[in-house]
Protein backbone atom coordinates (compact mmCIF):
# COMPACT_ATOMS: atom_id res chain seq x y z
CA MET A 1 30.03 20.99 -128.92
CA TYR A 2 32.27 18.36 -127.78
CA ALA A 3 35.63 20.34 -128.32
CA PRO A 4 34.62 23.37 -126.92
CA LEU A 5 33.36 21.88 -123.53
CA LEU A 6 36.32 19.80 -123.34
CA VAL A 7 38.46 22.87 -123.57
CA LEU A 8 36.25 24.68 -120.94
CA HIS A 9 36.33 21.58 -118.56
CA SER A 10 40.04 21.11 -119.26
CA TRP A 11 40.78 24.78 -118.30
CA GLY A 12 37.96 25.18 -115.84
CA ARG A 13 39.80 22.70 -113.35
CA TRP A 14 42.28 25.49 -112.61
CA LEU A 15 39.53 27.80 -111.42
CA VAL A 16 38.63 24.85 -108.74
CA VAL A 17 42.29 24.45 -108.02
CA ALA A 18 42.61 28.30 -107.31
CA ALA A 19 39.54 28.34 -105.43
CA ALA A 20 40.56 25.01 -103.27
CA ALA A 21 43.97 26.78 -102.77
CA PHE A 22 42.12 29.89 -101.36
CA ALA A 23 40.01 27.79 -99.24
CA VAL A 24 42.97 25.62 -97.78
CA ALA A 25 44.85 29.00 -97.30
CA ARG A 26 41.62 30.35 -95.43
CA LEU A 27 41.29 27.39 -93.29
CA PHE A 28 44.88 27.25 -92.10
CA PHE A 29 46.15 30.67 -92.42
CA ARG A 30 43.95 33.06 -90.93
CA GLY A 31 42.85 34.93 -87.74
CA PRO A 32 39.37 35.23 -86.36
CA ALA A 33 36.67 34.15 -88.71
CA SER A 34 35.60 36.74 -91.10
CA ARG A 35 33.92 37.16 -94.51
CA LEU A 36 36.53 35.80 -96.40
CA ASP A 37 36.04 32.43 -94.96
CA ALA A 38 32.39 32.09 -96.10
CA LEU A 39 33.62 33.61 -99.56
CA SER A 40 36.31 30.89 -99.83
CA ARG A 41 33.92 28.26 -99.24
CA THR A 42 31.30 29.79 -101.72
CA ALA A 43 34.04 30.28 -104.45
CA LEU A 44 35.07 26.51 -104.26
CA VAL A 45 31.46 25.30 -104.02
CA ALA A 46 30.60 27.42 -106.89
CA SER A 47 33.73 26.53 -108.95
CA ALA A 48 33.04 22.85 -108.37
CA ASP A 49 29.20 23.05 -109.29
CA LEU A 50 30.37 24.97 -112.55
CA MET A 51 32.61 21.92 -113.26
CA LEU A 52 29.93 19.62 -112.57
CA LEU A 53 27.74 21.16 -114.94
CA LEU A 54 30.30 21.45 -117.69
CA GLY A 55 31.17 17.78 -116.97
CA THR A 56 27.75 16.75 -117.24
CA GLY A 57 27.40 18.60 -120.86
CA LEU A 58 30.63 16.71 -121.77
CA TRP A 59 29.29 13.56 -120.88
CA ALA A 60 26.09 13.85 -122.87
CA VAL A 61 28.13 14.55 -126.14
CA SER A 62 31.32 12.64 -125.54
CA PRO A 63 32.60 9.96 -127.85
CA LEU A 64 33.84 8.40 -124.72
CA THR A 65 30.31 7.74 -123.19
CA PRO A 66 26.90 6.06 -123.73
CA GLY A 67 25.37 9.85 -123.25
CA GLY A 68 27.40 10.94 -126.46
CA SER A 69 28.02 9.02 -129.50
CA GLY A 70 29.90 6.36 -127.53
CA PRO A 71 29.63 2.52 -127.10
CA ALA A 72 26.99 0.96 -125.22
CA MET A 73 27.43 0.77 -121.46
CA GLY A 74 28.00 -3.00 -121.39
CA ALA A 75 31.24 -2.19 -123.82
CA VAL A 76 32.05 0.85 -121.75
CA MET A 77 32.32 -1.22 -118.36
CA LYS A 78 34.70 -3.94 -120.09
CA ASP A 79 37.22 -1.18 -121.04
CA LYS A 80 39.22 0.64 -118.13
CA VAL A 81 39.78 3.81 -120.10
CA LEU A 82 35.94 4.16 -121.28
CA ARG A 83 34.61 3.04 -117.60
CA PHE A 84 36.90 5.62 -116.07
CA PHE A 85 35.49 8.79 -118.25
CA ALA A 86 31.87 7.32 -118.49
CA VAL A 87 31.23 6.03 -114.63
CA GLU A 88 34.38 6.56 -112.40
CA HIS A 89 35.33 10.23 -112.63
CA PRO A 90 31.63 11.49 -113.25
CA PHE A 91 30.50 9.61 -110.11
CA SER A 92 33.59 10.62 -108.04
CA MET A 93 33.20 14.36 -108.90
CA VAL A 94 29.57 14.31 -107.73
CA LEU A 95 30.80 12.72 -104.49
CA VAL A 96 33.09 15.80 -104.63
CA VAL A 97 30.47 18.32 -105.21
CA VAL A 98 28.40 16.52 -102.28
CA ALA A 99 31.01 16.69 -99.87
CA LEU A 100 31.77 20.47 -100.20
CA HIS A 101 27.97 21.44 -100.35
CA VAL A 102 27.42 19.15 -97.15
CA GLY A 103 30.75 20.46 -95.70
CA SER A 104 29.89 24.33 -96.46
CA VAL A 105 26.29 23.98 -94.77
CA LEU A 106 27.57 22.14 -91.75
CA ALA A 107 30.19 24.83 -91.25
CA ARG A 108 27.93 27.78 -91.64
CA LYS A 109 25.30 26.06 -89.21
CA ALA A 110 28.09 25.29 -86.48
CA THR A 111 27.65 26.83 -83.22
CA ASP A 112 31.25 28.15 -82.86
CA GLU A 113 34.11 28.69 -85.17
CA SER A 114 36.12 25.78 -84.04
CA GLN A 115 33.28 23.59 -84.93
CA ALA A 116 32.91 25.34 -88.21
CA ARG A 117 36.35 24.83 -89.11
CA LYS A 118 36.68 20.98 -88.22
CA ARG A 119 33.56 20.35 -90.31
CA TRP A 120 34.86 22.30 -93.45
CA ALA A 121 38.20 20.75 -92.95
CA VAL A 122 36.68 17.32 -93.06
CA ALA A 123 34.66 18.12 -96.09
CA LEU A 124 37.53 19.65 -97.77
CA ALA A 125 39.97 16.96 -97.13
CA VAL A 126 37.38 14.25 -98.50
CA ALA A 127 36.96 16.41 -101.59
CA LEU A 128 40.68 17.07 -102.50
CA VAL A 129 41.53 13.52 -101.93
CA LEU A 130 38.73 12.43 -104.31
CA VAL A 131 39.88 15.22 -106.84
CA ALA A 132 43.70 14.04 -106.61
CA VAL A 133 42.71 10.22 -107.06
CA MET A 134 40.16 10.74 -109.66
CA VAL A 135 41.28 13.37 -112.10
CA PRO A 136 43.12 12.23 -115.31
CA TRP A 137 46.44 13.67 -114.75
CA PRO A 138 49.17 13.53 -117.28
CA TRP A 139 50.94 10.74 -115.25
CA ARG A 140 48.06 8.50 -115.07
CA GLY A 141 48.92 6.01 -117.99
CA ALA A 142 46.30 5.06 -120.37
CA LEU A 143 43.89 7.57 -118.43
CA ALA A 144 46.23 10.57 -118.90
CA ARG A 145 45.32 14.01 -120.26
CA PRO A 146 47.11 16.66 -120.72
CA LEU A 147 46.94 19.81 -118.08
CA PHE A 148 45.77 22.25 -120.71
CA THR A 149 43.81 20.75 -123.40
CA LEU A 150 43.67 22.51 -126.41
CA SER A 151 41.69 20.35 -128.58
CA PRO A 152 39.96 16.64 -128.52
CA GLY A 153 42.75 15.25 -130.65
């Protein structure tokens, strides 16, 4: 169960990247508000939700986390890599999803287009900064993971 979830989670990040690019494009390169704006927000929130769901399943079965067959939380907190995958990355990604949901709701409830755009821009910026900092990109040293995982090994 671990290997398929890891592969889905790894490749699914590109769905989020594509949805984020679409949302950023709609935010900065558009004319008057349209249904595509709501669609871009919904696509990003939905893809982030899917990744959170896959990540939660991965956390539950991972050999790197206490949720799976990994070490106890005390040992996890003493190890930089284990702590990142068991605590820091999941917590940050929950914050990303919360920021996107709140931003989407606030944008939808805005009284005018300018206000909606500003609210969504702030939420999108917070989410993108958290993602950029808390994803195990290949250049992250001990935390590094490949851009396209084909197997856990």
